Amino acid sequence: MPKFILAFETSCDDTSVAIIDTNYKVYANIMSSQPDHEAFGGVVPELASRLHLKNITHCLNAALKKANMNLKDISAIAVSINPGLIGSLLVGVSYAKSLAWSLNIPLISVNHMLGHVMANKIEHPDLNPPWLALVVSGGHTELVIFNTLTDFYIIGQTLDDAAGEAFDKVAKLLNLGFPGGPIIDKIAKSGNPNFHIFPRALNKKDNFNFSFSGLKTSVYTWIKLQNQDFINQHLADITASVQSAIVDILTKKTFSAAIKYNINKIIVAGGVSANSELRNQMQTKAYKYKKEIYFPKLQYCMDNAAMIGSAAIEKFINKEFSPLSLNAFSTKGIKYL
């Protein structure tokens, strides 16, 4: 009989609570976004923490109702503890610890980025390493080789801005709103990606690191030379050109790494994995090079608790539980915890 895991995700500005069983079946995945940050053009950490406090109990109750369960049905509590905004993480960790203590059930800590990777297991529960994971989100861009679910190492990472940050910053330069990724994706669909060729940084053989800070500067410098009417007229072309610069380098480095290390399975994970052009290019290259390619369902690309529960399943089976002295920390990167 499968066991049920109650999972919490509060690493940034989305409060999420999910219930998932040990066969990767999701019974509820409740999410509460925080549009309050849009007025500031980015996430305000203190505001995010306060909104998590306000929303987390409502999300828990909604998850239990949707799953038609109560807390006595739960076998373990999972929670993301890093990376992220420390105040936001502490809300989820404190809440999860109190529940685990009061219910006298195990507590499982999960790395947020590992959660993004394991979101692919929800749709493909039999998917197992070895695989190469491209983890792309607002704050992270990493290429990670998984030999097993617990044995993995990073072969490339961003040296400055992440891919998601590049989308957000360019959207801000163009006064498009926040978050920038979905907005640029939508506008760019009708644009010409070759309208202007923006730089592809670190475009060298066997260099699997990323850099997007220079792209932001290049876009800023180029926009300053244009008048507003020109920008308005060619907005779709400009966004398509920027998107192309980001997607091209992500795709090229991923497949170069897969070929060099002879890995046949490629997993794309994180918020940017929802980008339609990235999916198109990845699928085209996968067909060309005869590689298997996997993406999470769109609802599991963004920060959500179902992916945290998915990442907790292997630890639950192996009884890798955390003490109630567990604490959150904000260190970037993927690490098995």
C-alpha atoms as a PDB file:
ATOM      1  CA  MET A   1       0.000   0.000   0.000  1.00  0.00           C
ATOM      2  CA  PRO A   2       1.347   3.445  -0.881  1.00  0.00           C
ATOM      3  CA  LYS A   3       2.044   5.953   1.884  1.00  0.00           C
ATOM      4  CA  PHE A   4       1.076   9.603   1.750  1.00  0.00           C
ATOM      5  CA  ILE A   5       3.520  12.511   2.028  1.00  0.00           C
ATOM      6  CA  LEU A   6       2.408  16.039   2.886  1.00  0.00           C
ATOM      7  CA  ALA A   7       4.785  18.537   1.270  1.00  0.00           C
ATOM      8  CA  PHE A   8       5.422  22.270   1.744  1.00  0.00           C
ATOM      9  CA  GLU A   9       7.147  24.732  -0.587  1.00  0.00           C
ATOM     10  CA  THR A  10       7.786  28.356   0.485  1.00  0.00           C
ATOM     11  CA  SER A  11      11.210  29.110  -0.960  1.00  0.00           C
ATOM     12  CA  CYS A  12      10.295  32.338  -2.742  1.00  0.00           C
ATOM     13  CA  ASP A  13       6.932  33.994  -3.417  1.00  0.00           C
ATOM     14  CA  ASP A  14       4.601  31.010  -3.971  1.00  0.00           C
ATOM     15  CA  THR A  15       2.994  29.215  -1.042  1.00  0.00           C
ATOM     16  CA  SER A  16       2.274  25.613  -1.978  1.00  0.00           C
ATOM     17  CA  VAL A  17       1.048  22.514  -0.160  1.00  0.00           C
ATOM     18  CA  ALA A  18       0.708  19.101  -1.803  1.00  0.00           C
ATOM     19  CA  ILE A  19      -0.193  15.525  -0.988  1.00  0.00           C
ATOM     20  CA  ILE A  20       1.540  12.813  -3.001  1.00  0.00           C
ATOM     21  CA  ASP A  21       1.819   9.073  -2.474  1.00  0.00           C
ATOM     22  CA  THR A  22       4.943   6.934  -2.728  1.00  0.00           C
ATOM     23  CA  ASN A  23       3.916   5.866  -6.250  1.00  0.00           C
ATOM     24  CA  TYR A  24       4.199   9.520  -7.391  1.00  0.00           C
ATOM     25  CA  LYS A  25       0.453  10.050  -7.648  1.00  0.00           C
ATOM     26  CA  VAL A  26      -0.520  13.630  -6.773  1.00  0.00           C
ATOM     27  CA  TYR A  27      -3.780  14.002  -4.825  1.00  0.00           C
ATOM     28  CA  ALA A  28      -3.545  17.764  -4.303  1.00  0.00           C
ATOM     29  CA  ASN A  29      -1.157  20.514  -5.287  1.00  0.00           C
ATOM     30  CA  ILE A  30      -2.436  23.818  -3.937  1.00  0.00           C
ATOM     31  CA  MET A  31      -0.631  27.020  -4.888  1.00  0.00           C
ATOM     32  CA  SER A  32      -1.101  30.590  -3.713  1.00  0.00           C
ATOM     33  CA  SER A  33       0.803  33.207  -5.690  1.00  0.00           C
ATOM     34  CA  GLN A  34       1.707  36.674  -4.443  1.00  0.00           C
ATOM     35  CA  PRO A  35       0.770  39.341  -7.021  1.00  0.00           C
ATOM     36  CA  ASP A  36       1.564  41.969  -4.371  1.00  0.00           C
ATOM     37  CA  HIS A  37       5.180  41.974  -5.624  1.00  0.00           C
ATOM     38  CA  GLU A  38       4.299  43.120  -9.150  1.00  0.00           C
ATOM     39  CA  ALA A  39       4.172  46.762  -8.048  1.00  0.00           C
ATOM     40  CA  PHE A  40       7.834  46.529  -7.005  1.00  0.00           C
ATOM     41  CA  GLY A  41       9.101  44.833 -10.170  1.00  0.00           C
ATOM     42  CA  GLY A  42      10.456  41.894  -8.177  1.00  0.00           C
ATOM     43  CA  VAL A  43      10.032  39.857  -5.014  1.00  0.00           C
ATOM     44  CA  VAL A  44      10.249  41.768  -1.710  1.00  0.00           C
ATOM     45  CA  PRO A  45      11.599  39.220   0.831  1.00  0.00           C
ATOM     46  CA  GLU A  46       9.904  40.599   3.959  1.00  0.00           C
ATOM     47  CA  LEU A  47       6.560  40.870   2.185  1.00  0.00           C
ATOM     48  CA  ALA A  48       6.918  37.319   0.848  1.00  0.00           C
ATOM     49  CA  SER A  49       7.496  35.937   4.356  1.00  0.00           C
ATOM     50  CA  ARG A  50       4.442  37.696   5.765  1.00  0.00           C
ATOM     51  CA  LEU A  51       2.230  36.447   2.930  1.00  0.00           C
ATOM     52  CA  HIS A  52       3.459  32.872   3.452  1.00  0.00           C
ATOM     53  CA  LEU A  53       2.418  33.160   7.095  1.00  0.00           C
ATOM     54  CA  LYS A  54      -0.978  34.397   5.990  1.00  0.00           C
ATOM     55  CA  ASN A  55      -1.569  31.742   3.324  1.00  0.00           C
ATOM     56  CA  ILE A  56       0.037  28.503   4.491  1.00  0.00           C
ATOM     57  CA  THR A  57      -2.782  27.234   6.729  1.00  0.00           C
ATOM     58  CA  HIS A  58      -5.359  28.018   4.049  1.00  0.00           C
ATOM     59  CA  CYS A  59      -3.294  26.044   1.538  1.00  0.00           C
ATOM     60  CA  LEU A  60      -2.995  23.105   3.927  1.00  0.00           C
ATOM     61  CA  ASN A  61      -6.738  22.993   4.523  1.00  0.00           C
ATOM     62  CA  ALA A  62      -7.423  23.255   0.791  1.00  0.00           C
ATOM     63  CA  ALA A  63      -5.005  20.391   0.049  1.00  0.00           C
ATOM     64  CA  LEU A  64      -6.578  18.101   2.625  1.00  0.00           C
ATOM     65  CA  LYS A  65     -10.048  18.931   1.320  1.00  0.00           C
ATOM     66  CA  LYS A  66      -9.112  18.315  -2.308  1.00  0.00           C
ATOM     67  CA  ALA A  67      -7.444  14.997  -1.453  1.00  0.00           C
ATOM     68  CA  ASN A  68     -10.387  14.041   0.769  1.00  0.00           C
ATOM     69  CA  MET A  69      -7.985  13.254   3.601  1.00  0.00           C
ATOM     70  CA  ASN A  70      -7.131  14.403   7.092  1.00  0.00           C
ATOM     71  CA  LEU A  71      -3.813  14.675   8.877  1.00  0.00           C
ATOM     72  CA  LYS A  72      -4.027  11.173  10.367  1.00  0.00           C
ATOM     73  CA  ASP A  73      -3.708   9.769   6.815  1.00  0.00           C
ATOM     74  CA  ILE A  74      -0.264  11.350   6.390  1.00  0.00           C
ATOM     75  CA  SER A  75       2.874   9.222   6.898  1.00  0.00           C
ATOM     76  CA  ALA A  76       5.564  11.929   6.570  1.00  0.00           C
ATOM     77  CA  ILE A  77       6.082  15.674   6.156  1.00  0.00           C
ATOM     78  CA  ALA A  78       8.405  17.027   3.449  1.00  0.00           C
ATOM     79  CA  VAL A  79       9.626  20.604   3.158  1.00  0.00           C
ATOM     80  CA  SER A  80      12.073  22.572   1.021  1.00  0.00           C
ATOM     81  CA  ILE A  81      14.895  23.970   3.161  1.00  0.00           C
ATOM     82  CA  ASN A  82      17.258  25.488   0.572  1.00  0.00           C
ATOM     83  CA  PRO A  83      17.974  27.440  -1.549  1.00  0.00           C
ATOM     84  CA  GLY A  84      15.664  30.430  -1.446  1.00  0.00           C
ATOM     85  CA  LEU A  85      14.741  33.507   0.552  1.00  0.00           C
ATOM     86  CA  ILE A  86      15.679  32.674   4.130  1.00  0.00           C
ATOM     87  CA  GLY A  87      12.589  34.277   5.682  1.00  0.00           C
ATOM     88  CA  SER A  88      10.267  32.467   3.288  1.00  0.00           C
ATOM     89  CA  LEU A  89      12.029  29.142   3.844  1.00  0.00           C
ATOM     90  CA  LEU A  90      11.770  29.544   7.610  1.00  0.00           C
ATOM     91  CA  VAL A  91       7.988  29.867   7.409  1.00  0.00           C
ATOM     92  CA  GLY A  92       7.666  26.524   5.634  1.00  0.00           C
ATOM     93  CA  VAL A  93      10.288  24.755   7.730  1.00  0.00           C
ATOM     94  CA  SER A  94       8.820  25.945  11.040  1.00  0.00           C
ATOM     95  CA  TYR A  95       5.318  24.960   9.984  1.00  0.00           C
ATOM     96  CA  ALA A  96       6.451  21.538   8.747  1.00  0.00           C
ATOM     97  CA  LYS A  97       8.436  20.861  11.926  1.00  0.00           C
ATOM     98  CA  SER A  98       5.499  21.714  14.144  1.00  0.00           C
ATOM     99  CA  LEU A  99       3.211  19.386  12.197  1.00  0.00           C
ATOM    100  CA  ALA A 100       5.730  16.543  12.202  1.00  0.00           C
ATOM    101  CA  TRP A 101       6.158  16.934  15.976  1.00  0.00           C
ATOM    102  CA  SER A 102       2.435  17.145  16.725  1.00  0.00           C
ATOM    103  CA  LEU A 103       1.614  14.141  14.515  1.00  0.00           C
ATOM    104  CA  ASN A 104       4.711  12.190  15.608  1.00  0.00           C
ATOM    105  CA  ILE A 105       5.639  11.353  12.019  1.00  0.00           C
ATOM    106  CA  PRO A 106       8.949  11.701  10.121  1.00  0.00           C
ATOM    107  CA  LEU A 107      10.235  14.983   8.736  1.00  0.00           C
ATOM    108  CA  ILE A 108      12.040  15.006   5.368  1.00  0.00           C
ATOM    109  CA  SER A 109      14.181  17.897   4.113  1.00  0.00           C
ATOM    110  CA  VAL A 110      14.372  18.566   0.378  1.00  0.00           C
ATOM    111  CA  ASN A 111      16.633  20.734  -1.747  1.00  0.00           C
ATOM    112  CA  HIS A 112      14.406  23.015  -3.811  1.00  0.00           C
ATOM    113  CA  MET A 113      16.394  22.523  -7.028  1.00  0.00           C
ATOM    114  CA  LEU A 114      16.397  18.762  -6.604  1.00  0.00           C
ATOM    115  CA  GLY A 115      12.632  19.096  -6.287  1.00  0.00           C
ATOM    116  CA  HIS A 116      12.495  20.694  -9.728  1.00  0.00           C
ATOM    117  CA  VAL A 117      14.429  17.771 -11.194  1.00  0.00           C
ATOM    118  CA  MET A 118      12.236  15.179  -9.490  1.00  0.00           C
ATOM    119  CA  ALA A 119       9.085  16.882 -10.782  1.00  0.00           C
ATOM    120  CA  ASN A 120       9.721  14.816 -13.912  1.00  0.00           C
ATOM    121  CA  LYS A 121       9.099  11.651 -11.872  1.00  0.00           C
ATOM    122  CA  ILE A 122       5.459  12.653 -11.341  1.00  0.00           C
ATOM    123  CA  GLU A 123       4.641  12.003 -14.998  1.00  0.00           C
ATOM    124  CA  HIS A 124       7.349   9.370 -15.450  1.00  0.00           C
ATOM    125  CA  PRO A 125       7.622   7.414 -12.175  1.00  0.00           C
ATOM    126  CA  ASP A 126       9.767   4.738 -13.842  1.00  0.00           C
ATOM    127  CA  LEU A 127      12.269   7.306 -15.098  1.00  0.00           C
ATOM    128  CA  ASN A 128      15.630   6.546 -13.531  1.00  0.00           C
ATOM    129  CA  PRO A 129      19.235   7.760 -13.968  1.00  0.00           C
ATOM    130  CA  PRO A 130      21.673   8.038 -15.533  1.00  0.00           C
ATOM    131  CA  TRP A 131      20.494  11.334 -16.944  1.00  0.00           C
ATOM    132  CA  LEU A 132      21.704  14.880 -17.556  1.00  0.00           C
ATOM    133  CA  ALA A 133      19.583  17.560 -15.906  1.00  0.00           C
ATOM    134  CA  LEU A 134      19.375  21.146 -17.109  1.00  0.00           C
ATOM    135  CA  VAL A 135      18.036  23.076 -14.128  1.00  0.00           C
ATOM    136  CA  VAL A 136      16.876  26.547 -15.182  1.00  0.00           C
ATOM    137  CA  SER A 137      14.963  28.952 -12.955  1.00  0.00           C
ATOM    138  CA  GLY A 138      14.884  32.539 -11.770  1.00  0.00           C
ATOM    139  CA  GLY A 139      17.968  32.158  -9.612  1.00  0.00           C
ATOM    140  CA  HIS A 140      19.682  29.019 -10.902  1.00  0.00           C
ATOM    141  CA  THR A 141      21.119  27.610 -14.092  1.00  0.00           C
ATOM    142  CA  GLU A 142      22.975  24.319 -13.716  1.00  0.00           C
ATOM    143  CA  LEU A 143      23.923  21.230 -15.708  1.00  0.00           C
ATOM    144  CA  VAL A 144      23.980  18.196 -13.439  1.00  0.00           C
ATOM    145  CA  ILE A 145      24.881  14.589 -14.230  1.00  0.00           C
ATOM    146  CA  PHE A 146      22.931  12.044 -12.195  1.00  0.00           C
ATOM    147  CA  ASN A 147      24.482   8.584 -11.950  1.00  0.00           C
ATOM    148  CA  THR A 148      21.810   7.578  -9.443  1.00  0.00           C
ATOM    149  CA  LEU A 149      19.109   9.500  -7.572  1.00  0.00           C
ATOM    150  CA  THR A 150      21.618  10.226  -4.807  1.00  0.00           C
ATOM    151  CA  ASP A 151      24.945  10.284  -6.699  1.00  0.00           C
ATOM    152  CA  PHE A 152      25.247  13.370  -8.890  1.00  0.00           C
ATOM    153  CA  TYR A 153      27.654  16.182  -9.667  1.00  0.00           C
ATOM    154  CA  ILE A 154      27.474  19.614 -11.300  1.00  0.00           C
ATOM    155  CA  ILE A 155      29.402  20.042 -14.565  1.00  0.00           C
ATOM    156  CA  GLY A 156      28.283  23.593 -15.286  1.00  0.00           C
ATOM    157  CA  GLN A 157      26.539  26.513 -13.616  1.00  0.00           C
ATOM    158  CA  THR A 158      25.923  30.207 -14.082  1.00  0.00           C
ATOM    159  CA  LEU A 159      28.772  32.510 -13.183  1.00  0.00           C
ATOM    160  CA  ASP A 160      26.437  35.469 -12.639  1.00  0.00           C
ATOM    161  CA  ASP A 161      22.790  35.897 -13.656  1.00  0.00           C
ATOM    162  CA  ALA A 162      20.611  32.851 -14.191  1.00  0.00           C
ATOM    163  CA  ALA A 163      18.458  32.354 -17.290  1.00  0.00           C
ATOM    164  CA  GLY A 164      15.292  33.314 -15.432  1.00  0.00           C
ATOM    165  CA  GLU A 165      16.937  36.470 -14.108  1.00  0.00           C
ATOM    166  CA  ALA A 166      17.886  37.423 -17.664  1.00  0.00           C
ATOM    167  CA  PHE A 167      14.254  37.142 -18.754  1.00  0.00           C
ATOM    168  CA  ASP A 168      13.102  39.216 -15.769  1.00  0.00           C
ATOM    169  CA  LYS A 169      15.710  41.939 -16.208  1.00  0.00           C
ATOM    170  CA  VAL A 170      15.112  42.304 -19.942  1.00  0.00           C
ATOM    171  CA  ALA A 171      11.357  42.474 -19.328  1.00  0.00           C
ATOM    172  CA  LYS A 172      11.997  45.247 -16.819  1.00  0.00           C
ATOM    173  CA  LEU A 173      14.130  47.143 -19.350  1.00  0.00           C
ATOM    174  CA  LEU A 174      11.252  46.914 -21.810  1.00  0.00           C
ATOM    175  CA  ASN A 175       8.611  47.814 -19.187  1.00  0.00           C
ATOM    176  CA  LEU A 176       6.796  44.522 -19.726  1.00  0.00           C
ATOM    177  CA  GLY A 177       6.116  43.606 -16.107  1.00  0.00           C
ATOM    178  CA  PHE A 178       7.117  40.824 -13.717  1.00  0.00           C
ATOM    179  CA  PRO A 179       7.798  37.930 -13.936  1.00  0.00           C
ATOM    180  CA  GLY A 180       9.385  38.429 -17.329  1.00  0.00           C
ATOM    181  CA  GLY A 181       9.710  34.880 -18.631  1.00  0.00           C
ATOM    182  CA  PRO A 182       6.061  34.122 -19.438  1.00  0.00           C
ATOM    183  CA  ILE A 183       5.518  37.633 -20.844  1.00  0.00           C
ATOM    184  CA  ILE A 184       8.510  37.453 -23.199  1.00  0.00           C
ATOM    185  CA  ASP A 185       7.568  33.916 -24.248  1.00  0.00           C
ATOM    186  CA  LYS A 186       4.098  35.110 -25.251  1.00  0.00           C
ATOM    187  CA  ILE A 187       5.181  38.262 -27.108  1.00  0.00           C
ATOM    188  CA  ALA A 188       8.116  36.558 -28.863  1.00  0.00           C
ATOM    189  CA  LYS A 189       5.864  34.006 -30.603  1.00  0.00           C
ATOM    190  CA  SER A 190       5.127  36.505 -33.386  1.00  0.00           C
ATOM    191  CA  GLY A 191       8.663  37.902 -33.592  1.00  0.00           C
ATOM    192  CA  ASN A 192      11.769  37.297 -35.686  1.00  0.00           C
ATOM    193  CA  PRO A 193      14.517  35.702 -33.546  1.00  0.00           C
ATOM    194  CA  ASN A 194      17.151  36.905 -36.035  1.00  0.00           C
ATOM    195  CA  PHE A 195      16.029  40.540 -35.909  1.00  0.00           C
ATOM    196  CA  HIS A 196      19.076  41.406 -33.789  1.00  0.00           C
ATOM    197  CA  ILE A 197      21.810  38.982 -32.768  1.00  0.00           C
ATOM    198  CA  PHE A 198      22.556  39.400 -29.077  1.00  0.00           C
ATOM    199  CA  PRO A 199      25.674  37.744 -27.589  1.00  0.00           C
ATOM    200  CA  ARG A 200      25.871  34.091 -26.542  1.00  0.00           C
ATOM    201  CA  ALA A 201      28.346  34.154 -23.655  1.00  0.00           C
ATOM    202  CA  LEU A 202      30.939  31.431 -22.940  1.00  0.00           C
ATOM    203  CA  ASN A 203      30.208  29.905 -26.327  1.00  0.00           C
ATOM    204  CA  LYS A 204      33.240  27.620 -26.249  1.00  0.00           C
ATOM    205  CA  LYS A 205      33.736  23.888 -26.658  1.00  0.00           C
ATOM    206  CA  ASP A 206      33.613  21.856 -23.422  1.00  0.00           C
ATOM    207  CA  ASN A 207      32.731  24.924 -21.359  1.00  0.00           C
ATOM    208  CA  PHE A 208      29.456  24.056 -19.656  1.00  0.00           C
ATOM    209  CA  ASN A 209      29.169  27.165 -17.485  1.00  0.00           C
ATOM    210  CA  PHE A 210      26.671  29.920 -18.244  1.00  0.00           C
ATOM    211  CA  SER A 211      26.674  33.708 -18.078  1.00  0.00           C
ATOM    212  CA  PHE A 212      23.711  35.980 -18.782  1.00  0.00           C
ATOM    213  CA  SER A 213      24.807  39.241 -17.160  1.00  0.00           C
ATOM    214  CA  GLY A 214      26.471  40.389 -20.367  1.00  0.00           C
ATOM    215  CA  LEU A 215      23.280  39.718 -22.310  1.00  0.00           C
ATOM    216  CA  LYS A 216      21.373  42.063 -20.031  1.00  0.00           C
ATOM    217  CA  THR A 217      24.016  44.760 -20.532  1.00  0.00           C
ATOM    218  CA  SER A 218      23.990  44.245 -24.286  1.00  0.00           C
ATOM    219  CA  VAL A 219      20.209  44.584 -24.436  1.00  0.00           C
ATOM    220  CA  TYR A 220      20.330  47.696 -22.241  1.00  0.00           C
ATOM    221  CA  THR A 221      23.006  49.329 -24.403  1.00  0.00           C
ATOM    222  CA  TRP A 222      21.197  48.502 -27.645  1.00  0.00           C
ATOM    223  CA  ILE A 223      17.808  49.714 -26.404  1.00  0.00           C
ATOM    224  CA  LYS A 224      19.328  53.038 -25.355  1.00  0.00           C
ATOM    225  CA  LEU A 225      20.253  53.629 -29.011  1.00  0.00           C
ATOM    226  CA  GLN A 226      16.679  53.146 -30.236  1.00  0.00           C
ATOM    227  CA  ASN A 227      13.713  55.481 -29.997  1.00  0.00           C
ATOM    228  CA  GLN A 228      10.533  54.384 -28.238  1.00  0.00           C
ATOM    229  CA  ASP A 229       8.469  54.166 -31.432  1.00  0.00           C
ATOM    230  CA  PHE A 230      10.987  51.760 -32.929  1.00  0.00           C
ATOM    231  CA  ILE A 231      10.920  49.613 -29.779  1.00  0.00           C
ATOM    232  CA  ASN A 232       7.127  49.556 -29.717  1.00  0.00           C
ATOM    233  CA  GLN A 233       6.954  48.663 -33.396  1.00  0.00           C
ATOM    234  CA  HIS A 234       9.466  45.827 -33.095  1.00  0.00           C
ATOM    235  CA  LEU A 235       8.735  44.596 -29.569  1.00  0.00           C
ATOM    236  CA  ALA A 236       7.958  41.050 -30.745  1.00  0.00           C
ATOM    237  CA  ASP A 237      11.194  40.936 -32.758  1.00  0.00           C
ATOM    238  CA  ILE A 238      13.284  42.260 -29.859  1.00  0.00           C
ATOM    239  CA  THR A 239      11.852  39.797 -27.344  1.00  0.00           C
ATOM    240  CA  ALA A 240      12.245  36.941 -29.828  1.00  0.00           C
ATOM    241  CA  SER A 241      15.893  37.904 -30.360  1.00  0.00           C
ATOM    242  CA  VAL A 242      16.564  38.016 -26.613  1.00  0.00           C
ATOM    243  CA  GLN A 243      14.784  34.723 -26.054  1.00  0.00           C
ATOM    244  CA  SER A 244      16.807  33.166 -28.855  1.00  0.00           C
ATOM    245  CA  ALA A 245      20.075  34.252 -27.218  1.00  0.00           C
ATOM    246  CA  ILE A 246      19.059  32.570 -23.950  1.00  0.00           C
ATOM    247  CA  VAL A 247      17.554  29.415 -25.414  1.00  0.00           C
ATOM    248  CA  ASP A 248      20.309  28.836 -27.988  1.00  0.00           C
ATOM    249  CA  ILE A 249      23.092  28.672 -25.411  1.00  0.00           C
ATOM    250  CA  LEU A 250      21.052  26.543 -23.002  1.00  0.00           C
ATOM    251  CA  THR A 251      20.305  24.045 -25.748  1.00  0.00           C
ATOM    252  CA  LYS A 252      23.786  23.987 -27.243  1.00  0.00           C
ATOM    253  CA  LYS A 253      25.581  23.414 -23.941  1.00  0.00           C
ATOM    254  CA  THR A 254      23.111  20.770 -22.804  1.00  0.00           C
ATOM    255  CA  PHE A 255      23.495  18.644 -25.906  1.00  0.00           C
ATOM    256  CA  SER A 256      27.249  19.196 -26.080  1.00  0.00           C
ATOM    257  CA  ALA A 257      27.467  17.815 -22.539  1.00  0.00           C
ATOM    258  CA  ALA A 258      25.135  14.908 -23.315  1.00  0.00           C
ATOM    259  CA  ILE A 259      27.274  13.948 -26.316  1.00  0.00           C
ATOM    260  CA  LYS A 260      30.598  14.352 -24.500  1.00  0.00           C
ATOM    261  CA  TYR A 261      29.504  12.251 -21.519  1.00  0.00           C
ATOM    262  CA  ASN A 262      27.487   9.812 -23.649  1.00  0.00           C
ATOM    263  CA  ILE A 263      24.221  10.349 -21.758  1.00  0.00           C
ATOM    264  CA  ASN A 264      21.018   9.406 -23.566  1.00  0.00           C
ATOM    265  CA  LYS A 265      18.415  10.839 -21.175  1.00  0.00           C
ATOM    266  CA  ILE A 266      18.051  14.589 -20.695  1.00  0.00           C
ATOM    267  CA  ILE A 267      15.786  16.193 -18.089  1.00  0.00           C
ATOM    268  CA  VAL A 268      14.832  19.870 -18.197  1.00  0.00           C
ATOM    269  CA  ALA A 269      13.564  21.352 -14.933  1.00  0.00           C
ATOM    270  CA  GLY A 270      12.751  24.649 -13.242  1.00  0.00           C
ATOM    271  CA  GLY A 271      10.531  27.587 -14.099  1.00  0.00           C
ATOM    272  CA  VAL A 272      12.242  28.291 -17.432  1.00  0.00           C
ATOM    273  CA  SER A 273      11.470  24.721 -18.543  1.00  0.00           C
ATOM    274  CA  ALA A 274       7.969  26.050 -19.271  1.00  0.00           C
ATOM    275  CA  ASN A 275       9.355  28.279 -22.047  1.00  0.00           C
ATOM    276  CA  SER A 276       7.845  27.139 -25.343  1.00  0.00           C
ATOM    277  CA  GLU A 277      10.902  27.957 -27.480  1.00  0.00           C
ATOM    278  CA  LEU A 278      13.213  26.077 -25.133  1.00  0.00           C
ATOM    279  CA  ARG A 279      10.930  23.049 -25.363  1.00  0.00           C
ATOM    280  CA  ASN A 280      10.812  23.278 -29.161  1.00  0.00           C
ATOM    281  CA  GLN A 281      14.579  23.552 -29.565  1.00  0.00           C
ATOM    282  CA  MET A 282      15.278  20.817 -27.034  1.00  0.00           C
ATOM    283  CA  GLN A 283      12.846  18.430 -28.703  1.00  0.00           C
ATOM    284  CA  THR A 284      14.295  19.184 -32.140  1.00  0.00           C
ATOM    285  CA  LYS A 285      17.855  18.528 -30.960  1.00  0.00           C
ATOM    286  CA  ALA A 286      16.782  15.401 -29.077  1.00  0.00           C
ATOM    287  CA  TYR A 287      15.326  13.994 -32.286  1.00  0.00           C
ATOM    288  CA  LYS A 288      18.463  14.942 -34.246  1.00  0.00           C
ATOM    289  CA  TYR A 289      20.873  13.351 -31.767  1.00  0.00           C
ATOM    290  CA  LYS A 290      18.581  10.440 -30.820  1.00  0.00           C
ATOM    291  CA  LYS A 291      18.322  11.450 -27.159  1.00  0.00           C
ATOM    292  CA  GLU A 292      15.384  11.048 -24.794  1.00  0.00           C
ATOM    293  CA  ILE A 293      14.075  14.388 -23.523  1.00  0.00           C
ATOM    294  CA  TYR A 294      11.787  14.969 -20.532  1.00  0.00           C
ATOM    295  CA  PHE A 295       9.949  18.059 -19.282  1.00  0.00           C
ATOM    296  CA  PRO A 296       7.612  18.395 -16.296  1.00  0.00           C
ATOM    297  CA  LYS A 297       3.968  19.194 -16.944  1.00  0.00           C
ATOM    298  CA  LEU A 298       3.526  22.963 -17.032  1.00  0.00           C
ATOM    299  CA  GLN A 299       1.881  23.037 -13.583  1.00  0.00           C
ATOM    300  CA  TYR A 300       4.978  21.376 -12.125  1.00  0.00           C
ATOM    301  CA  CYS A 301       7.506  23.733 -13.751  1.00  0.00           C
ATOM    302  CA  MET A 302       6.911  26.614 -11.357  1.00  0.00           C
ATOM    303  CA  ASP A 303       7.666  26.404  -7.637  1.00  0.00           C
ATOM    304  CA  ASN A 304       5.199  23.886  -6.213  1.00  0.00           C
ATOM    305  CA  ALA A 305       4.955  21.425  -3.339  1.00  0.00           C
ATOM    306  CA  ALA A 306       4.233  18.357  -5.491  1.00  0.00           C
ATOM    307  CA  MET A 307       7.816  18.417  -6.727  1.00  0.00           C
ATOM    308  CA  ILE A 308       9.052  18.632  -3.117  1.00  0.00           C
ATOM    309  CA  GLY A 309       6.968  15.586  -2.251  1.00  0.00           C
ATOM    310  CA  SER A 310       8.301  13.780  -5.313  1.00  0.00           C
ATOM    311  CA  ALA A 311      11.891  14.429  -4.232  1.00  0.00           C
ATOM    312  CA  ALA A 312      11.068  13.173  -0.728  1.00  0.00           C
ATOM    313  CA  ILE A 313       9.833   9.752  -1.826  1.00  0.00           C
ATOM    314  CA  GLU A 314      13.255   8.132  -2.219  1.00  0.00           C
ATOM    315  CA  LYS A 315      14.328   9.501   1.163  1.00  0.00           C
ATOM    316  CA  PHE A 316      11.119   8.229   2.753  1.00  0.00           C
ATOM    317  CA  ILE A 317      11.691   4.729   1.359  1.00  0.00           C
ATOM    318  CA  ASN A 318      15.288   4.771   2.628  1.00  0.00           C
ATOM    319  CA  LYS A 319      14.222   6.223   6.004  1.00  0.00           C
ATOM    320  CA  GLU A 320      16.445   9.276   5.556  1.00  0.00           C
ATOM    321  CA  PHE A 321      14.613  11.501   8.008  1.00  0.00           C
ATOM    322  CA  SER A 322      15.585  14.863   9.472  1.00  0.00           C
ATOM    323  CA  PRO A 323      15.685  15.854  13.150  1.00  0.00           C
ATOM    324  CA  LEU A 324      13.375  18.519  14.519  1.00  0.00           C
ATOM    325  CA  SER A 325      16.465  20.687  14.985  1.00  0.00           C
ATOM    326  CA  LEU A 326      16.451  21.106  11.204  1.00  0.00           C
ATOM    327  CA  ASN A 327      16.940  24.658   9.977  1.00  0.00           C
ATOM    328  CA  ALA A 328      16.618  26.412   6.623  1.00  0.00           C
ATOM    329  CA  PHE A 329      19.551  27.959   4.796  1.00  0.00           C
ATOM    330  CA  SER A 330      19.802  29.971   1.601  1.00  0.00           C
ATOM    331  CA  THR A 331      22.946  28.582  -0.031  1.00  0.00           C
ATOM    332  CA  LYS A 332      22.495  28.307  -3.790  1.00  0.00           C
ATOM    333  CA  GLY A 333      22.863  25.100  -5.738  1.00  0.00           C
ATOM    334  CA  ILE A 334      21.636  21.530  -5.859  1.00  0.00           C
ATOM    335  CA  LYS A 335      22.529  19.334  -2.920  1.00  0.00           C
ATOM    336  CA  TYR A 336      20.999  16.123  -1.606  1.00  0.00           C
ATOM    337  CA  LEU A 337      19.731  16.785   1.894  1.00  0.00           C
END
